[in-house]
Protein backbone atom coordinates (compact mmCIF):
# COMPACT_ATOMS: atom_id res chain seq x y z
CA MET A 1 29.17 35.02 10.54
CA THR A 2 30.60 38.45 9.79
CA ILE A 3 33.31 38.89 7.16
CA THR A 4 35.18 42.19 7.17
CA PRO A 5 36.93 43.54 4.07
CA TYR A 6 40.03 45.62 4.69
CA ARG A 7 43.06 47.08 2.98
CA ARG A 8 46.38 45.34 3.38
CA HIS A 9 48.66 48.31 2.84
CA SER A 10 52.18 48.07 1.55
CA ALA A 11 55.08 49.32 3.63
CA GLU A 12 55.41 52.44 1.42
CA CYS A 13 51.69 53.37 1.57
CA PRO A 14 51.11 56.62 3.50
CA HIS A 15 47.75 55.27 4.74
CA LYS A 16 49.03 51.99 6.18
CA SER A 17 47.61 52.82 9.62
CA GLN A 18 44.03 52.94 8.24
CA ARG A 19 42.64 49.50 7.33
CA GLY A 20 39.39 50.96 6.04
CA TYR A 21 40.93 53.52 3.71
CA LYS A 22 39.12 53.33 0.37
CA LYS A 23 41.10 55.49 -2.06
CA CYS A 24 44.49 53.80 -2.23
CA GLN A 25 45.30 50.89 -4.53
CA CYS A 26 46.58 48.41 -1.96
CA PRO A 27 45.13 44.87 -2.23
CA MET A 28 41.86 43.93 -0.53
CA TRP A 29 41.66 41.09 2.00
CA LEU A 30 38.80 39.39 3.86
CA GLU A 31 38.86 38.68 7.58
CA ARG A 32 36.61 36.47 9.72
CA TRP A 33 36.68 34.94 13.19
CA ASP A 34 35.95 31.26 13.77
CA LYS A 35 36.14 29.67 17.23
CA GLY A 36 38.44 32.37 18.53
CA LYS A 37 40.78 32.21 15.53
CA CYS A 38 41.25 35.03 13.06
CA LEU A 39 41.24 33.75 9.48
CA ARG A 40 42.27 35.92 6.55
CA LYS A 41 42.42 35.39 2.79
CA SER A 42 43.01 37.54 -0.25
CA ALA A 43 40.03 38.96 -2.13
CA LYS A 44 42.15 39.04 -5.31
CA THR A 45 41.09 42.58 -6.12
CA ARG A 46 42.13 46.16 -5.39
CA SER A 47 38.61 47.61 -5.70
CA TRP A 48 36.90 48.50 -2.42
CA GLU A 49 33.44 47.97 -3.91
CA GLN A 50 34.37 44.56 -5.30
CA GLY A 51 35.81 43.59 -1.93
CA GLN A 52 32.52 44.52 -0.24
CA LYS A 53 30.55 42.38 -2.69
CA LEU A 54 32.83 39.39 -2.14
CA ALA A 55 32.46 39.74 1.63
CA ARG A 56 28.64 39.77 1.39
CA ALA A 57 28.67 36.77 -0.98
CA GLU A 58 30.88 34.82 1.45
CA GLU A 59 28.53 35.64 4.34
CA GLN A 60 25.52 34.45 2.35
CA ARG A 61 27.27 31.21 1.42
CA TYR A 62 28.13 30.46 5.04
CA GLU A 63 24.53 31.16 6.08
CA GLN A 64 23.20 28.74 3.46
CA VAL A 65 25.55 26.03 4.67
CA ALA A 66 24.56 26.65 8.28
CA LEU A 67 20.86 26.34 7.38
CA GLY A 68 21.43 23.15 5.38
CA GLU A 69 20.72 24.80 2.04
CA LYS A 70 22.68 23.87 -1.05
CA PRO A 71 24.56 26.77 -2.61
CA LYS A 72 23.64 27.71 -6.15
CA PRO A 73 25.86 26.08 -8.77
CA VAL A 74 28.48 28.28 -10.37
CA ALA A 75 27.96 28.97 -14.07
CA VAL A 76 30.47 27.00 -16.15
CA THR A 77 31.42 27.95 -19.69
CA VAL A 78 31.20 25.50 -22.57
CA GLU A 79 34.97 25.56 -22.98
CA GLU A 80 35.56 24.78 -19.29
CA ALA A 81 33.08 21.90 -19.45
CA ALA A 82 34.76 20.49 -22.57
CA THR A 83 38.20 20.73 -20.95
CA SER A 84 36.99 18.96 -17.81
CA PHE A 85 35.32 16.25 -19.89
CA MET A 86 38.49 15.60 -21.88
CA ASP A 87 40.55 15.42 -18.68
CA THR A 88 38.14 12.76 -17.43
CA LYS A 89 38.50 10.74 -20.64
CA LYS A 90 42.29 10.94 -20.49
CA GLY A 91 42.16 9.66 -16.92
CA GLU A 92 40.12 6.65 -18.07
CA GLY A 93 43.09 5.40 -20.09
CA LEU A 94 41.41 5.51 -23.50
CA ASP A 95 43.55 5.02 -26.59
CA LYS A 96 44.56 7.86 -28.89
CA ASP A 97 41.95 7.14 -31.55
CA THR A 98 39.07 7.23 -29.06
CA LEU A 99 40.38 10.44 -27.47
CA GLN A 100 40.64 12.00 -30.92
CA LYS A 101 36.96 11.23 -31.59
CA HIS A 102 35.91 12.85 -28.29
CA ARG A 103 38.16 15.83 -29.07
CA ARG A 104 36.52 16.23 -32.48
CA MET A 105 33.05 16.15 -30.89
CA THR A 106 33.94 18.90 -28.39
CA ALA A 107 35.63 20.98 -31.10
CA LEU A 108 32.49 20.93 -33.26
CA LEU A 109 30.34 21.89 -30.28
CA LEU A 110 32.66 24.74 -29.28
CA ASP A 111 32.68 26.09 -32.81
CA TYR A 112 28.88 26.11 -32.94
CA CYS A 113 28.56 27.76 -29.51
CA HIS A 114 31.04 30.49 -30.47
CA ARG A 115 29.09 31.27 -33.62
CA LYS A 116 25.78 31.38 -31.71
CA ASN A 117 27.22 33.39 -28.76
CA LEU A 118 26.52 30.60 -26.28
CA LEU A 119 28.99 31.16 -23.47
CA PHE A 120 27.73 28.96 -20.62
CA ILE A 121 26.87 25.28 -20.85
CA CYS A 122 23.51 25.90 -19.16
CA GLU A 123 22.47 28.06 -22.13
CA VAL A 124 22.62 25.16 -24.60
CA SER A 125 19.13 23.79 -25.27
CA LEU A 126 17.58 21.05 -27.40
CA PRO A 127 16.87 23.38 -30.39
CA HIS A 128 20.52 24.41 -30.33
CA LEU A 129 21.69 20.79 -30.42
CA THR A 130 19.23 19.97 -33.20
CA ALA A 131 20.58 22.82 -35.33
CA HIS A 132 24.12 21.78 -34.43
CA ARG A 133 23.47 18.20 -35.56
CA ALA A 134 22.15 19.43 -38.91
CA GLU A 135 25.65 20.81 -39.67
CA TRP A 136 27.49 17.53 -39.08
CA ASP A 137 27.27 16.39 -42.70
CA LYS A 138 29.95 18.99 -43.54
CA ASN A 139 32.57 17.22 -41.40
CA LEU A 140 31.11 13.75 -40.84
CA LYS A 141 30.29 12.20 -44.19
CA SER A 142 28.71 8.88 -43.20
CA LYS A 143 25.60 8.35 -41.12
CA LEU A 144 27.48 5.90 -38.94
CA SER A 145 30.02 8.59 -38.00
CA ARG A 146 27.22 11.04 -37.20
CA ARG A 147 25.39 8.49 -35.06
CA ASN A 148 28.56 7.69 -33.10
CA ASN A 149 29.27 11.39 -32.66
CA GLN A 150 25.75 11.87 -31.26
CA GLY A 151 26.42 9.14 -28.72
CA ARG A 152 29.56 10.95 -27.58
CA LEU A 153 27.63 14.23 -27.39
CA LYS A 154 25.04 12.60 -25.12
CA GLU A 155 27.83 11.24 -22.95
CA PHE A 156 29.30 14.75 -22.65
CA PHE A 157 26.00 16.26 -21.48
CA ARG A 158 25.47 13.37 -19.04
CA TYR A 159 28.81 14.29 -17.55
CA CYS A 160 27.70 17.93 -17.27
CA ARG A 161 24.46 16.81 -15.59
CA LYS A 162 26.32 14.69 -13.04
CA SER A 163 28.64 17.63 -12.35
CA LYS A 164 25.49 19.70 -11.58
CA TRP A 165 26.36 22.31 -14.19
CA ILE A 166 22.96 21.88 -15.86
CA ASP A 167 19.56 20.96 -14.43
CA GLU A 168 18.46 18.85 -17.42
CA ASN A 169 20.24 17.00 -20.18
CA PRO A 170 19.08 18.48 -23.52
CA ALA A 171 20.91 15.84 -25.56
CA GLU A 172 18.81 12.95 -24.20
CA ASP A 173 15.86 14.01 -26.36
CA LEU A 174 17.80 13.93 -29.62
CA GLY A 175 16.27 11.40 -31.98
CA THR A 176 18.14 8.35 -33.20
CA ILE A 177 19.99 8.65 -36.50
CA LYS A 178 18.63 5.75 -38.53
CA ILE A 179 20.80 3.88 -41.02
CA LYS A 180 19.22 1.75 -43.74
CA LYS A 181 20.69 -1.59 -44.75
CA ASN A 182 21.84 -0.31 -48.14
CA GLU A 183 23.63 2.60 -46.39
CA GLN A 184 25.62 0.49 -43.96
CA ILE A 185 29.28 -0.14 -44.53
CA ARG A 186 29.62 -3.70 -45.82
CA THR A 187 32.72 -5.84 -45.52
CA ASP A 188 32.53 -8.38 -48.33
CA PRO A 189 35.00 -11.28 -48.73
CA PHE A 190 37.56 -11.26 -51.54
CA GLU A 191 36.51 -12.62 -54.89
CA PRO A 192 38.41 -15.65 -56.29
CA GLU A 193 40.13 -13.52 -58.93
CA GLU A 194 41.22 -11.09 -56.22
CA MET A 195 42.74 -13.88 -54.12
CA GLN A 196 44.83 -15.40 -56.95
CA PRO A 197 47.62 -12.75 -56.92
CA THR A 198 47.84 -13.01 -53.14
CA LEU A 199 48.09 -16.79 -53.14
CA ALA A 200 50.62 -16.70 -55.95
CA ALA A 201 52.82 -14.35 -53.94
CA LEU A 202 52.59 -16.55 -50.85
CA GLU A 203 53.20 -19.88 -52.63
CA PRO A 204 57.05 -19.78 -52.41
CA ALA A 205 56.85 -19.05 -48.71
CA PHE A 206 54.48 -21.99 -48.25
CA GLU A 207 56.90 -24.29 -50.06
CA VAL A 208 59.83 -23.27 -47.88
CA GLU A 209 57.77 -23.69 -44.74
CA TYR A 210 56.56 -27.10 -45.91
CA THR A 211 60.14 -28.23 -46.54
CA ARG A 212 61.30 -26.99 -43.16
CA ARG A 213 58.51 -28.81 -41.35
CA ARG A 214 59.16 -31.99 -43.35
CA VAL A 215 62.85 -31.97 -42.44
CA ARG A 216 62.01 -31.46 -38.78
CA ALA A 217 59.52 -34.33 -38.83
CA MET A 218 62.03 -36.68 -40.46
CA GLN A 219 64.70 -35.68 -38.00
CA ASN A 220 62.42 -36.48 -35.10
CA GLU A 221 61.46 -39.78 -36.69
CA TYR A 222 65.01 -41.01 -37.35
CA SER A 223 66.35 -39.66 -34.05
CA SER A 224 64.17 -42.22 -32.26
CA SER A 225 64.98 -45.03 -34.72
CA SER A 226 66.94 -48.04 -33.44
CA LEU A 227 68.74 -48.37 -36.78
CA SER A 228 70.53 -45.08 -36.34
CA PRO A 229 71.05 -43.88 -32.75
CA LEU A 230 73.28 -40.99 -33.84
CA GLY A 231 70.49 -38.42 -33.86
CA PRO A 232 72.47 -35.32 -32.83
CA HIS A 233 75.29 -36.14 -35.28
CA ARG A 234 73.24 -36.68 -38.44
CA ARG A 235 72.84 -33.87 -40.91
CA PHE A 236 70.26 -32.90 -43.47
CA ALA A 237 71.01 -31.28 -46.76
CA HIS A 238 68.80 -29.83 -49.46
CA THR A 239 69.27 -27.06 -51.95
CA THR A 240 65.84 -25.98 -53.14
CA PRO A 241 62.28 -26.95 -52.24
CA ASP A 242 62.17 -29.09 -55.41
CA SER A 243 65.44 -30.99 -54.79
CA PRO A 244 65.51 -34.28 -52.82
CA ILE A 245 66.08 -34.17 -49.08
CA HIS A 246 68.98 -36.32 -47.87
CA LEU A 247 69.61 -37.85 -44.47
CA ALA A 248 73.39 -38.23 -43.92
CA HIS A 249 75.02 -40.82 -41.64
CA PRO A 250 78.46 -39.60 -40.52
CA ARG A 251 79.77 -42.99 -39.29
CA THR A 252 79.08 -45.07 -42.40
CA LYS A 253 79.60 -42.21 -44.83
CA THR A 254 76.25 -42.94 -46.46
CA TYR A 255 73.10 -40.95 -47.00
CA ARG A 256 69.48 -41.75 -47.49
CA CYS A 257 67.28 -40.06 -50.03
CA LEU A 258 63.95 -39.39 -48.34
CA SER A 259 62.21 -39.33 -51.68
CA CYS A 260 62.99 -42.95 -52.59
CA GLY A 261 64.05 -44.28 -49.15
CA ARG A 262 67.37 -45.89 -50.28
CA TRP A 263 70.69 -45.76 -48.45
CA SER A 264 73.61 -45.09 -50.83
CA PRO A 265 77.33 -44.39 -50.41
CA HIS A 266 78.17 -40.90 -51.48
CA SER A 267 81.48 -39.80 -50.04
CA ASP A 268 81.82 -36.85 -52.36
CA TRP A 269 78.47 -35.38 -51.34
CA TYR A 270 79.20 -36.06 -47.66
CA ALA A 271 82.61 -34.35 -47.86
CA GLN A 272 81.10 -31.27 -49.44
CA SER A 273 78.19 -31.11 -47.04
């Protein structure tokens, strides 16, 4: 397939009748014919020499496809690979904390690559990653954080390998970061003296909840009692968790103290309640 570069002159160009004029600054375009149809697209350049190179590269790519050959992968920068990886993680619906950990991993890698003049992801090798890991103790204090960061780094390079940006995954050969038992983060239970202030602060709330549940249980019990069928009309009264709980009967103007179980007339209390 032949691809022809040509000048697409502007209306004011004095050489607009000459498609192959090389010295003006009108944009370059590429033209090819496919099954009787003329297809054109912009070369995105105004240089005649650059337009020629793009035309030859397009012809070579079409020839490789026609012969069943795979085109050579395009070199991808470390920053482009990191951006694509983060877009993939955002699409997976991860929470903010997990995304922040992946973002920190890529930021550390980008900083190292900038300092070592590593532009493309295919230039990063195992010695580079080993030296990069040796600097993690400046930002990641615990061994557990460094081990988790290494796992995310391996995941990043697996993504680059699947995207065919690199031929081999250099991170797979990184050794495991070992953590001894005395270096692990332990979560011990509270000591008895540490629990006493907490229980003391919760004790009033427990008392109120106990009283509320006791009143509800008594109400359910006496609502089903044959001695007093006026369940919805009876009332309970109590002042504090320590005071007696009274069951009032509105028809007989009496109340029952649930502490002692006696029914007693108490019109004054009933009128106030």
